[in-house]
Amino acid sequence: AGDYNNSFPNKVVELTDEFITAGSDFVLSNTFSANRPSVEPFDFSVEEIVREGVILAKEAAKGRAKVLLDIGPLTGLLIPFGKIAKEEAREFFGEMLKYGMMENPDGVILETFMDLEMLKIAIRAAKHYDVPVLCSMSFMGANAAGKRPKIAHTMMGNTVKAIVAAATELKVDAI
């Protein structure tokens, strides 16, 4: 296992270029899960993966599209549901942002979060930088019988109303 940004950079640039050629106005760096807990088992550092991910996206974009530093949720849950302390989550997101911002992306996208509390930690970390911050969350689908919940919510029970209220309060640029 390894990191495509450093092991196969031409493939990352080619794929990103395909999105731009197809008409994308924004492209995401290949950094979704490049946080310390996910990277530790491999021979690459968070800095190597994140910086190279933004560099490659910018190389492909060549000014034809905006480049967003892509940050996904941590693979575990916050205490009390999991083992990740809020302070640790702040540190993990802060580390990704620090290295990503060294390469001057046009903005940050915090995507597919399932826990509003974790998303708020990531938003606060991202708002330390003077770039647009976009966010998205993943919602529960239909159950095995095909029945959908009456009120849309994330795995952690966060509703659209609660998400929009929190994102508005934290002044994200797009939800």
N, C-alpha and C. Protein backbone atom coordinates (compact mmCIF):
# COMPACT_ATOMS: atom_id res chain seq x y z
N ALA A 1 0.85 -1.19 0.00
CA ALA A 1 0.00 0.00 0.00
C ALA A 1 0.89 1.24 0.00
N GLY A 2 0.34 2.33 -0.42
CA GLY A 2 1.13 3.54 -0.45
C GLY A 2 0.31 4.74 -0.81
N ASP A 3 0.98 5.73 -1.30
CA ASP A 3 0.38 7.02 -1.59
C ASP A 3 0.50 7.31 -3.08
N TYR A 4 -0.60 7.46 -3.75
CA TYR A 4 -0.60 7.73 -5.19
C TYR A 4 0.08 9.06 -5.51
N ASN A 5 -0.05 10.05 -4.66
CA ASN A 5 0.55 11.36 -4.94
C ASN A 5 2.06 11.25 -5.13
N ASN A 6 2.70 10.42 -4.36
CA ASN A 6 4.15 10.29 -4.43
C ASN A 6 4.58 9.09 -5.27
N SER A 7 3.77 8.04 -5.33
CA SER A 7 4.13 6.84 -6.09
C SER A 7 3.72 6.91 -7.55
N PHE A 8 2.59 7.53 -7.83
CA PHE A 8 2.06 7.59 -9.20
C PHE A 8 1.56 9.00 -9.53
N PRO A 9 2.42 10.01 -9.40
CA PRO A 9 1.95 11.39 -9.59
C PRO A 9 1.37 11.66 -10.98
N ASN A 10 1.89 11.01 -12.01
CA ASN A 10 1.35 11.23 -13.37
C ASN A 10 -0.10 10.79 -13.48
N LYS A 11 -0.44 9.70 -12.79
CA LYS A 11 -1.84 9.22 -12.80
C LYS A 11 -2.77 10.23 -12.13
N VAL A 12 -2.31 10.80 -11.02
CA VAL A 12 -3.13 11.79 -10.30
C VAL A 12 -3.35 13.01 -11.19
N VAL A 13 -2.30 13.49 -11.85
CA VAL A 13 -2.42 14.65 -12.73
C VAL A 13 -3.33 14.32 -13.91
N GLU A 14 -3.17 13.15 -14.52
CA GLU A 14 -4.00 12.75 -15.66
C GLU A 14 -5.48 12.71 -15.29
N LEU A 15 -5.80 12.10 -14.16
CA LEU A 15 -7.19 12.00 -13.74
C LEU A 15 -7.78 13.38 -13.45
N THR A 16 -7.01 14.21 -12.76
CA THR A 16 -7.47 15.56 -12.45
C THR A 16 -7.69 16.35 -13.73
N ASP A 17 -6.79 16.21 -14.68
CA ASP A 17 -6.93 16.88 -15.97
C ASP A 17 -8.20 16.43 -16.70
N GLU A 18 -8.54 15.16 -16.59
CA GLU A 18 -9.76 14.66 -17.23
C GLU A 18 -10.99 15.36 -16.68
N PHE A 19 -11.04 15.59 -15.37
CA PHE A 19 -12.17 16.30 -14.77
C PHE A 19 -12.25 17.73 -15.30
N ILE A 20 -11.11 18.38 -15.42
CA ILE A 20 -11.09 19.77 -15.90
C ILE A 20 -11.49 19.81 -17.36
N THR A 21 -10.96 18.92 -18.16
CA THR A 21 -11.30 18.85 -19.59
C THR A 21 -12.79 18.59 -19.78
N ALA A 22 -13.38 17.83 -18.87
CA ALA A 22 -14.81 17.53 -18.94
C ALA A 22 -15.67 18.71 -18.48
N GLY A 23 -15.03 19.77 -17.93
CA GLY A 23 -15.78 20.97 -17.58
C GLY A 23 -15.82 21.33 -16.11
N SER A 24 -15.07 20.64 -15.27
CA SER A 24 -15.07 20.98 -13.84
C SER A 24 -14.48 22.36 -13.60
N ASP A 25 -15.16 23.14 -12.78
CA ASP A 25 -14.65 24.45 -12.38
C ASP A 25 -13.78 24.36 -11.13
N PHE A 26 -13.98 23.27 -10.37
CA PHE A 26 -13.22 23.01 -9.14
C PHE A 26 -12.71 21.59 -9.19
N VAL A 27 -11.49 21.38 -8.71
CA VAL A 27 -10.97 20.03 -8.55
C VAL A 27 -10.47 19.89 -7.12
N LEU A 28 -10.47 18.66 -6.64
CA LEU A 28 -10.06 18.39 -5.27
C LEU A 28 -8.66 17.78 -5.25
N SER A 29 -7.88 18.18 -4.29
CA SER A 29 -6.58 17.54 -4.11
C SER A 29 -6.80 16.10 -3.69
N ASN A 30 -5.87 15.24 -3.99
CA ASN A 30 -5.96 13.83 -3.63
C ASN A 30 -5.46 13.66 -2.19
N THR A 31 -6.24 14.20 -1.24
CA THR A 31 -5.82 14.25 0.16
C THR A 31 -6.93 13.89 1.14
N PHE A 32 -8.03 13.37 0.65
CA PHE A 32 -9.23 13.13 1.45
C PHE A 32 -8.92 12.50 2.81
N SER A 33 -8.16 11.44 2.84
CA SER A 33 -7.92 10.70 4.08
C SER A 33 -6.45 10.77 4.50
N ALA A 34 -5.80 11.86 4.19
CA ALA A 34 -4.36 12.00 4.48
C ALA A 34 -4.10 12.55 5.87
N ASN A 35 -4.88 12.10 6.84
CA ASN A 35 -4.67 12.53 8.23
C ASN A 35 -3.73 11.54 8.92
N ARG A 36 -3.15 11.97 10.02
CA ARG A 36 -2.12 11.16 10.69
C ARG A 36 -2.56 9.74 11.02
N PRO A 37 -3.74 9.51 11.62
CA PRO A 37 -4.10 8.13 11.94
C PRO A 37 -4.18 7.23 10.69
N SER A 38 -4.59 7.79 9.56
CA SER A 38 -4.70 7.00 8.33
C SER A 38 -3.35 6.80 7.65
N VAL A 39 -2.44 7.74 7.82
CA VAL A 39 -1.14 7.71 7.14
C VAL A 39 -0.09 6.94 7.93
N GLU A 40 -0.19 6.92 9.25
CA GLU A 40 0.86 6.32 10.10
C GLU A 40 1.31 4.93 9.68
N PRO A 41 0.43 4.05 9.23
CA PRO A 41 0.89 2.69 8.87
C PRO A 41 1.78 2.63 7.62
N PHE A 42 1.88 3.71 6.87
CA PHE A 42 2.60 3.69 5.60
C PHE A 42 3.92 4.44 5.69
N ASP A 43 4.66 4.43 4.59
CA ASP A 43 5.99 5.04 4.56
C ASP A 43 5.98 6.50 4.14
N PHE A 44 4.86 7.17 4.20
CA PHE A 44 4.76 8.57 3.81
C PHE A 44 4.26 9.38 4.99
N SER A 45 4.61 10.66 5.02
CA SER A 45 4.14 11.54 6.08
C SER A 45 2.92 12.32 5.61
N VAL A 46 2.19 12.85 6.56
CA VAL A 46 1.05 13.72 6.23
C VAL A 46 1.55 14.87 5.36
N GLU A 47 2.68 15.45 5.72
CA GLU A 47 3.21 16.57 4.94
C GLU A 47 3.47 16.18 3.50
N GLU A 48 4.12 15.05 3.27
CA GLU A 48 4.42 14.61 1.90
C GLU A 48 3.15 14.43 1.08
N ILE A 49 2.17 13.75 1.66
CA ILE A 49 0.95 13.44 0.91
C ILE A 49 0.13 14.69 0.65
N VAL A 50 -0.06 15.50 1.65
CA VAL A 50 -0.92 16.68 1.51
C VAL A 50 -0.29 17.72 0.59
N ARG A 51 0.96 18.04 0.81
CA ARG A 51 1.60 19.05 -0.05
C ARG A 51 1.63 18.58 -1.50
N GLU A 52 2.01 17.33 -1.71
CA GLU A 52 2.08 16.80 -3.08
C GLU A 52 0.69 16.74 -3.70
N GLY A 53 -0.33 16.43 -2.91
CA GLY A 53 -1.70 16.40 -3.44
C GLY A 53 -2.14 17.74 -3.99
N VAL A 54 -1.84 18.81 -3.27
CA VAL A 54 -2.20 20.15 -3.75
C VAL A 54 -1.34 20.53 -4.95
N ILE A 55 -0.04 20.23 -4.89
CA ILE A 55 0.86 20.55 -6.01
C ILE A 55 0.38 19.87 -7.29
N LEU A 56 0.02 18.60 -7.21
CA LEU A 56 -0.43 17.87 -8.41
C LEU A 56 -1.74 18.42 -8.94
N ALA A 57 -2.67 18.76 -8.07
CA ALA A 57 -3.94 19.33 -8.52
C ALA A 57 -3.71 20.67 -9.22
N LYS A 58 -2.82 21.47 -8.67
CA LYS A 58 -2.51 22.76 -9.29
C LYS A 58 -1.78 22.57 -10.63
N GLU A 59 -0.92 21.57 -10.69
CA GLU A 59 -0.22 21.26 -11.94
C GLU A 59 -1.23 20.90 -13.04
N ALA A 60 -2.21 20.09 -12.69
CA ALA A 60 -3.24 19.70 -13.65
C ALA A 60 -4.15 20.88 -14.00
N ALA A 61 -4.48 21.69 -13.01
CA ALA A 61 -5.42 22.79 -13.23
C ALA A 61 -4.84 23.88 -14.12
N LYS A 62 -3.60 24.21 -13.95
CA LYS A 62 -2.95 25.26 -14.76
C LYS A 62 -3.83 26.50 -14.90
N GLY A 63 -4.52 26.86 -13.82
CA GLY A 63 -5.36 28.05 -13.85
C GLY A 63 -6.71 27.85 -14.51
N ARG A 64 -7.00 26.66 -15.02
CA ARG A 64 -8.28 26.39 -15.69
C ARG A 64 -9.40 26.06 -14.72
N ALA A 65 -9.03 25.72 -13.48
CA ALA A 65 -10.02 25.36 -12.46
C ALA A 65 -9.44 25.75 -11.10
N LYS A 66 -10.32 25.95 -10.14
CA LYS A 66 -9.90 26.23 -8.77
C LYS A 66 -9.53 24.90 -8.10
N VAL A 67 -8.53 24.94 -7.24
CA VAL A 67 -8.08 23.75 -6.52
C VAL A 67 -8.49 23.87 -5.06
N LEU A 68 -9.20 22.84 -4.58
CA LEU A 68 -9.63 22.79 -3.19
C LEU A 68 -8.86 21.71 -2.44
N LEU A 69 -8.32 22.08 -1.30
CA LEU A 69 -7.70 21.11 -0.40
C LEU A 69 -8.82 20.24 0.15
N ASP A 70 -8.78 18.95 -0.14
CA ASP A 70 -9.85 18.03 0.23
C ASP A 70 -9.52 17.35 1.57
N ILE A 71 -10.42 17.51 2.53
CA ILE A 71 -10.26 16.90 3.84
C ILE A 71 -11.54 16.16 4.19
N GLY A 72 -11.39 14.88 4.49
CA GLY A 72 -12.52 14.07 4.90
C GLY A 72 -12.52 13.87 6.40
N PRO A 73 -13.52 13.18 6.91
CA PRO A 73 -13.60 12.93 8.36
C PRO A 73 -12.52 11.95 8.80
N LEU A 74 -12.26 11.94 10.08
CA LEU A 74 -11.35 10.95 10.65
C LEU A 74 -12.06 9.60 10.63
N THR A 75 -11.31 8.52 10.61
CA THR A 75 -11.92 7.20 10.46
C THR A 75 -12.56 6.67 11.75
N GLY A 76 -12.28 7.31 12.88
CA GLY A 76 -12.92 6.92 14.13
C GLY A 76 -13.94 7.94 14.57
N LEU A 77 -14.54 7.70 15.70
CA LEU A 77 -15.54 8.62 16.24
C LEU A 77 -14.97 9.38 17.42
N LEU A 78 -15.55 10.54 17.67
CA LEU A 78 -15.16 11.34 18.83
C LEU A 78 -15.68 10.69 20.12
N ILE A 79 -14.96 10.93 21.21
CA ILE A 79 -15.43 10.52 22.54
C ILE A 79 -16.77 11.22 22.78
N PRO A 80 -17.82 10.62 23.27
CA PRO A 80 -17.90 9.35 23.99
C PRO A 80 -18.23 8.15 23.12
N PHE A 81 -18.48 8.35 21.82
CA PHE A 81 -18.87 7.24 20.94
C PHE A 81 -17.66 6.46 20.44
N GLY A 82 -16.51 7.12 20.42
CA GLY A 82 -15.28 6.50 19.95
C GLY A 82 -14.12 6.87 20.84
N LYS A 83 -12.92 6.83 20.29
CA LYS A 83 -11.72 7.03 21.09
C LYS A 83 -10.99 8.34 20.78
N ILE A 84 -11.50 9.15 19.86
CA ILE A 84 -10.79 10.36 19.47
C ILE A 84 -11.23 11.55 20.33
N ALA A 85 -10.29 12.15 21.04
CA ALA A 85 -10.57 13.35 21.82
C ALA A 85 -10.67 14.54 20.86
N LYS A 86 -11.48 15.53 21.24
CA LYS A 86 -11.63 16.72 20.39
C LYS A 86 -10.29 17.39 20.14
N GLU A 87 -9.42 17.41 21.15
CA GLU A 87 -8.10 18.03 20.99
C GLU A 87 -7.27 17.29 19.94
N GLU A 88 -7.38 15.96 19.92
CA GLU A 88 -6.67 15.18 18.90
C GLU A 88 -7.22 15.49 17.51
N ALA A 89 -8.54 15.56 17.39
CA ALA A 89 -9.15 15.86 16.10
C ALA A 89 -8.67 17.23 15.60
N ARG A 90 -8.64 18.23 16.51
CA ARG A 90 -8.13 19.56 16.14
C ARG A 90 -6.71 19.46 15.60
N GLU A 91 -5.90 18.68 16.29
CA GLU A 91 -4.50 18.52 15.89
C GLU A 91 -4.40 17.85 14.51
N PHE A 92 -5.17 16.80 14.27
CA PHE A 92 -5.11 16.08 13.00
C PHE A 92 -5.55 16.97 11.84
N PHE A 93 -6.68 17.69 12.02
CA PHE A 93 -7.15 18.57 10.95
C PHE A 93 -6.19 19.75 10.76
N GLY A 94 -5.69 20.28 11.87
CA GLY A 94 -4.75 21.40 11.80
C GLY A 94 -3.49 21.04 11.05
N GLU A 95 -3.01 19.83 11.24
CA GLU A 95 -1.81 19.36 10.56
C GLU A 95 -2.04 19.30 9.04
N MET A 96 -3.16 18.73 8.62
CA MET A 96 -3.46 18.66 7.19
C MET A 96 -3.58 20.06 6.59
N LEU A 97 -4.26 20.93 7.30
CA LEU A 97 -4.44 22.30 6.81
C LEU A 97 -3.12 23.05 6.73
N LYS A 98 -2.29 22.91 7.73
CA LYS A 98 -1.00 23.60 7.74
C LYS A 98 -0.20 23.24 6.49
N TYR A 99 -0.09 21.94 6.22
CA TYR A 99 0.70 21.51 5.07
C TYR A 99 0.02 21.85 3.75
N GLY A 100 -1.28 21.69 3.69
CA GLY A 100 -2.00 22.03 2.46
C GLY A 100 -1.91 23.50 2.12
N MET A 101 -2.01 24.35 3.12
CA MET A 101 -1.97 25.79 2.88
C MET A 101 -0.59 26.27 2.43
N MET A 102 0.44 25.48 2.70
CA MET A 102 1.78 25.83 2.22
C MET A 102 1.82 25.88 0.69
N GLU A 103 0.90 25.18 0.04
CA GLU A 103 0.87 25.12 -1.43
C GLU A 103 -0.21 26.01 -2.04
N ASN A 104 -0.84 26.84 -1.23
CA ASN A 104 -1.78 27.87 -1.69
C ASN A 104 -2.96 27.36 -2.53
N PRO A 105 -3.75 26.45 -1.97
CA PRO A 105 -4.97 26.07 -2.69
C PRO A 105 -5.94 27.25 -2.71
N ASP A 106 -6.93 27.17 -3.58
CA ASP A 106 -7.92 28.24 -3.69
C ASP A 106 -8.98 28.17 -2.60
N GLY A 107 -9.07 27.05 -1.90
CA GLY A 107 -10.05 26.89 -0.84
C GLY A 107 -9.91 25.53 -0.21
N VAL A 108 -10.83 25.24 0.71
CA VAL A 108 -10.85 23.97 1.44
C VAL A 108 -12.23 23.37 1.31
N ILE A 109 -12.29 22.07 1.07
CA ILE A 109 -13.57 21.38 1.14
C ILE A 109 -13.47 20.30 2.21
N LEU A 110 -14.40 20.35 3.14
CA LEU A 110 -14.53 19.37 4.21
C LEU A 110 -15.72 18.51 3.80
N GLU A 111 -15.44 17.28 3.39
CA GLU A 111 -16.52 16.53 2.75
C GLU A 111 -16.85 15.20 3.38
N THR A 112 -18.09 14.84 3.22
CA THR A 112 -18.69 13.57 3.64
C THR A 112 -18.57 13.26 5.13
N PHE A 113 -18.62 14.29 5.95
CA PHE A 113 -18.62 14.09 7.40
C PHE A 113 -19.97 13.49 7.82
N MET A 114 -19.96 12.71 8.88
CA MET A 114 -21.18 12.10 9.42
C MET A 114 -21.51 12.64 10.80
N ASP A 115 -20.54 13.36 11.38
CA ASP A 115 -20.67 13.86 12.75
C ASP A 115 -20.49 15.38 12.73
N LEU A 116 -21.54 16.10 13.07
CA LEU A 116 -21.50 17.55 13.06
C LEU A 116 -20.43 18.09 14.01
N GLU A 117 -20.23 17.44 15.15
CA GLU A 117 -19.20 17.91 16.08
C GLU A 117 -17.81 17.82 15.46
N MET A 118 -17.53 16.75 14.75
CA MET A 118 -16.25 16.61 14.08
C MET A 118 -16.12 17.65 12.96
N LEU A 119 -17.21 17.86 12.23
CA LEU A 119 -17.18 18.86 11.16
C LEU A 119 -16.91 20.25 11.73
N LYS A 120 -17.52 20.58 12.85
CA LYS A 120 -17.30 21.90 13.47
C LYS A 120 -15.83 22.08 13.87
N ILE A 121 -15.20 21.03 14.35
CA ILE A 121 -13.77 21.11 14.68
C ILE A 121 -12.96 21.41 13.42
N ALA A 122 -13.28 20.71 12.34
CA ALA A 122 -12.56 20.91 11.08
C ALA A 122 -12.82 22.31 10.51
N ILE A 123 -14.06 22.79 10.60
CA ILE A 123 -14.39 24.14 10.11
C ILE A 123 -13.59 25.18 10.88
N ARG A 124 -13.58 25.07 12.20
CA ARG A 124 -12.84 26.05 13.01
C ARG A 124 -11.35 26.06 12.64
N ALA A 125 -10.79 24.90 12.39
CA ALA A 125 -9.38 24.82 11.99
C ALA A 125 -9.18 25.46 10.62
N ALA A 126 -10.09 25.21 9.69
CA ALA A 126 -9.96 25.75 8.34
C ALA A 126 -10.17 27.26 8.30
N LYS A 127 -11.00 27.78 9.19
CA LYS A 127 -11.29 29.22 9.19
C LYS A 127 -10.10 30.05 9.68
N HIS A 128 -9.03 29.42 10.12
CA HIS A 128 -7.81 30.15 10.48
C HIS A 128 -7.08 30.66 9.24
N TYR A 129 -7.50 30.19 8.07
CA TYR A 129 -6.86 30.57 6.82
C TYR A 129 -7.82 31.44 6.01
N ASP A 130 -7.27 32.29 5.21
CA ASP A 130 -8.08 33.25 4.45
C ASP A 130 -8.44 32.68 3.08
N VAL A 131 -9.18 31.57 3.09
CA VAL A 131 -9.66 30.95 1.86
C VAL A 131 -11.11 30.52 2.08
N PRO A 132 -11.86 30.36 0.99
CA PRO A 132 -13.23 29.85 1.14
C PRO A 132 -13.22 28.44 1.74
N VAL A 133 -14.22 28.18 2.59
CA VAL A 133 -14.38 26.86 3.21
C VAL A 133 -15.75 26.33 2.80
N LEU A 134 -15.76 25.17 2.18
CA LEU A 134 -16.97 24.49 1.76
C LEU A 134 -17.10 23.23 2.59
N CYS A 135 -18.33 22.78 2.82
CA CYS A 135 -18.49 21.54 3.59
C CYS A 135 -19.68 20.74 3.10
N SER A 136 -19.61 19.44 3.33
CA SER A 136 -20.73 18.56 3.01
C SER A 136 -20.79 17.45 4.05
N MET A 137 -21.95 16.84 4.15
CA MET A 137 -22.13 15.74 5.10
C MET A 137 -22.81 14.58 4.38
N SER A 138 -22.64 13.40 4.92
CA SER A 138 -23.26 12.19 4.37
C SER A 138 -24.49 11.85 5.20
N PHE A 139 -25.56 11.48 4.51
CA PHE A 139 -26.82 11.20 5.17
C PHE A 139 -27.20 9.74 5.05
N MET A 140 -28.03 9.29 5.99
CA MET A 140 -28.51 7.92 5.99
C MET A 140 -29.42 7.70 4.79
N GLY A 141 -29.25 6.57 4.14
CA GLY A 141 -30.10 6.21 3.02
C GLY A 141 -31.24 5.34 3.49
N ALA A 142 -31.81 4.66 2.55
CA ALA A 142 -32.91 3.76 2.87
C ALA A 142 -32.38 2.53 3.61
N ASN A 143 -33.23 1.94 4.44
CA ASN A 143 -32.85 0.70 5.12
C ASN A 143 -33.01 -0.49 4.17
N ALA A 144 -32.77 -1.68 4.65
CA ALA A 144 -32.84 -2.88 3.81
C ALA A 144 -34.21 -3.06 3.16
N ALA A 145 -35.25 -2.54 3.81
CA ALA A 145 -36.61 -2.65 3.27
C ALA A 145 -36.93 -1.51 2.31
N GLY A 146 -35.97 -0.62 2.08
CA GLY A 146 -36.19 0.49 1.16
C GLY A 146 -36.84 1.70 1.80
N LYS A 147 -37.02 1.68 3.11
CA LYS A 147 -37.67 2.79 3.80
C LYS A 147 -36.64 3.85 4.19
N ARG A 148 -36.95 5.09 3.88
CA ARG A 148 -36.07 6.21 4.22
C ARG A 148 -36.55 6.86 5.52
N PRO A 149 -35.63 7.48 6.27
CA PRO A 149 -36.05 8.17 7.49
C PRO A 149 -36.97 9.35 7.15
N LYS A 150 -37.92 9.65 8.05
CA LYS A 150 -38.85 10.77 7.81
C LYS A 150 -38.10 12.09 7.76
N ILE A 151 -37.13 12.26 8.64
CA ILE A 151 -36.31 13.47 8.65
C ILE A 151 -34.89 13.05 8.30
N ALA A 152 -34.36 13.65 7.23
CA ALA A 152 -33.00 13.31 6.81
C ALA A 152 -32.02 13.59 7.94
N HIS A 153 -31.10 12.66 8.16
CA HIS A 153 -30.10 12.83 9.21
C HIS A 153 -28.84 12.04 8.88
N THR A 154 -27.75 12.41 9.52
CA THR A 154 -26.50 11.69 9.36
C THR A 154 -26.51 10.46 10.26
N MET A 155 -25.46 9.66 10.16
CA MET A 155 -25.33 8.48 11.01
C MET A 155 -25.37 8.86 12.49
N MET A 156 -24.87 10.05 12.81
CA MET A 156 -24.83 10.50 14.20
C MET A 156 -26.11 11.24 14.61
N GLY A 157 -27.11 11.28 13.72
CA GLY A 157 -28.39 11.89 14.04
C GLY A 157 -28.48 13.38 13.76
N ASN A 158 -27.50 13.94 13.08
CA ASN A 158 -27.52 15.38 12.76
C ASN A 158 -28.48 15.66 11.62
N THR A 159 -29.38 16.61 11.83
CA THR A 159 -30.37 16.97 10.81
C THR A 159 -29.83 18.07 9.90
N VAL A 160 -30.46 18.23 8.77
CA VAL A 160 -30.09 19.29 7.83
C VAL A 160 -30.19 20.65 8.52
N LYS A 161 -31.25 20.85 9.28
CA LYS A 161 -31.45 22.13 9.98
C LYS A 161 -30.29 22.42 10.93
N ALA A 162 -29.86 21.43 11.69
CA ALA A 162 -28.75 21.62 12.64
C ALA A 162 -27.44 21.88 11.91
N ILE A 163 -27.23 21.19 10.81
CA ILE A 163 -26.01 21.36 10.03
C ILE A 163 -25.95 22.77 9.44
N VAL A 164 -27.05 23.20 8.83
CA VAL A 164 -27.08 24.54 8.23
C VAL A 164 -26.89 25.61 9.30
N ALA A 165 -27.52 25.44 10.44
CA ALA A 165 -27.37 26.42 11.53
C ALA A 165 -25.92 26.51 11.99
N ALA A 166 -25.27 25.38 12.19
CA ALA A 166 -23.88 25.38 12.65
C ALA A 166 -22.95 25.95 11.59
N ALA A 167 -23.14 25.55 10.34
CA ALA A 167 -22.28 26.04 9.26
C ALA A 167 -22.46 27.54 9.05
N THR A 168 -23.68 28.02 9.20
CA THR A 168 -23.95 29.45 9.07
C THR A 168 -23.27 30.21 10.20
N GLU A 169 -23.42 29.71 11.42
CA GLU A 169 -22.80 30.36 12.58
C GLU A 169 -21.27 30.41 12.43
N LEU A 170 -20.69 29.35 11.87
CA LEU A 170 -19.24 29.29 11.70
C LEU A 170 -18.76 29.95 10.39
N LYS A 171 -19.71 30.51 9.65
CA LYS A 171 -19.41 31.31 8.46
C LYS A 171 -18.69 30.53 7.35
N VAL A 172 -19.17 29.31 7.08
CA VAL A 172 -18.63 28.60 5.92
C VAL A 172 -19.13 29.27 4.66
N ASP A 173 -18.45 29.08 3.58
CA ASP A 173 -18.80 29.76 2.33
C ASP A 173 -19.80 28.99 1.48
N ALA A 174 -19.88 27.68 1.67
CA ALA A 174 -20.87 26.86 0.95
C ALA A 174 -21.10 25.58 1.73
N ILE A 175 -22.35 25.11 1.67
CA ILE A 175 -22.74 23.87 2.35
C ILE A 175 -23.23 22.91 1.30
